[in-house]
Amino acid sequence: MLTRRGFGAITFGHVIVSATEPSNTVWRHELRHVAQYERLGLAFLPLYLWYRARYGYVDHPLERDASEDPRLFP
């Protein structure tokens, strides 16, 4: 299901699901989503989906934060 949707891994709270053995880069990215979830709590999923609808994946603030040096939640 993940690969059909174009994802290599996805995070649900403290659970990371990966289609294959994740690289160090993927682990760091997904662990950053765990940190975002810890900070945002139950607001994470609706906020994530709203950002996805508004900005797409490339400009998604939570994805950018997870892919770059963390900026939203230092």
Protein backbone atom coordinates (compact mmCIF):
# COMPACT_ATOMS: atom_id res chain seq x y z
CA MET A 1 0.00 0.00 0.00
CA LEU A 2 2.80 2.45 0.83
CA THR A 3 4.63 2.06 -2.45
CA ARG A 4 1.40 2.32 -4.46
CA ARG A 5 0.80 5.69 -2.77
CA GLY A 6 4.37 6.81 -3.49
CA PHE A 7 5.62 6.50 0.09
CA GLY A 8 8.61 4.54 1.32
CA ALA A 9 7.61 4.98 4.95
CA ILE A 10 4.90 6.62 7.04
CA THR A 11 4.61 7.58 10.68
CA PHE A 12 1.55 7.19 12.89
CA GLY A 13 2.33 8.75 16.25
CA HIS A 14 5.20 6.69 17.63
CA VAL A 15 4.89 3.94 15.01
CA ILE A 16 6.96 4.03 11.82
CA VAL A 17 5.87 1.71 9.01
CA SER A 18 8.28 1.16 6.12
CA ALA A 19 7.89 -0.80 2.90
CA THR A 20 11.60 -1.73 2.97
CA GLU A 21 14.54 -1.49 5.37
CA PRO A 22 14.79 2.29 5.90
CA SER A 23 18.03 4.13 5.24
CA ASN A 24 19.51 6.42 7.89
CA THR A 25 18.04 9.39 6.02
CA VAL A 26 14.54 7.87 6.08
CA TRP A 27 14.91 7.04 9.80
CA ARG A 28 15.89 10.64 10.60
CA HIS A 29 12.99 11.95 8.51
CA GLU A 30 10.40 9.68 10.12
CA LEU A 31 11.78 10.24 13.63
CA ARG A 32 11.35 13.95 13.00
CA HIS A 33 7.67 13.25 12.28
CA VAL A 34 7.52 11.43 15.64
CA ALA A 35 8.90 14.59 17.30
CA GLN A 36 6.32 16.70 15.43
CA TYR A 37 3.57 14.36 16.61
CA GLU A 38 4.81 14.63 20.19
CA ARG A 39 4.67 18.41 19.92
CA LEU A 40 1.33 18.68 18.11
CA GLY A 41 -0.48 15.70 19.64
CA LEU A 42 -3.80 14.77 18.06
CA ALA A 43 -3.68 17.93 15.92
CA PHE A 44 -0.84 16.38 13.90
CA LEU A 45 -2.97 14.35 11.48
CA PRO A 46 -5.59 17.00 10.59
CA LEU A 47 -2.86 19.64 10.33
CA TYR A 48 -0.74 17.33 8.17
CA LEU A 49 -3.68 16.64 5.83
CA TRP A 50 -4.62 20.33 5.63
CA TYR A 51 -1.03 21.29 4.77
CA ARG A 52 -0.94 18.50 2.18
CA ALA A 53 -4.10 19.81 0.51
CA ARG A 54 -2.88 23.40 0.61
CA TYR A 55 0.84 23.03 -0.24
CA GLY A 56 1.25 19.56 -1.74
CA TYR A 57 4.15 17.37 -0.67
CA VAL A 58 7.17 19.41 -1.79
CA ASP A 59 6.18 22.63 -0.01
CA HIS A 60 4.48 20.92 2.94
CA PRO A 61 5.82 22.65 6.10
CA LEU A 62 5.97 19.46 8.19
CA GLU A 63 7.69 17.54 5.37
CA ARG A 64 10.18 20.35 4.83
CA ASP A 65 10.87 20.43 8.55
CA ALA A 66 11.46 16.68 8.55
CA SER A 67 13.67 16.79 5.44
CA GLU A 68 15.85 19.75 6.33
CA ASP A 69 17.39 21.04 9.50
CA PRO A 70 14.42 21.27 11.85
CA ARG A 71 12.98 24.76 11.82
CA LEU A 72 9.42 24.53 13.09
CA PHE A 73 10.26 22.96 16.44
CA PRO A 74 13.91 23.48 17.38
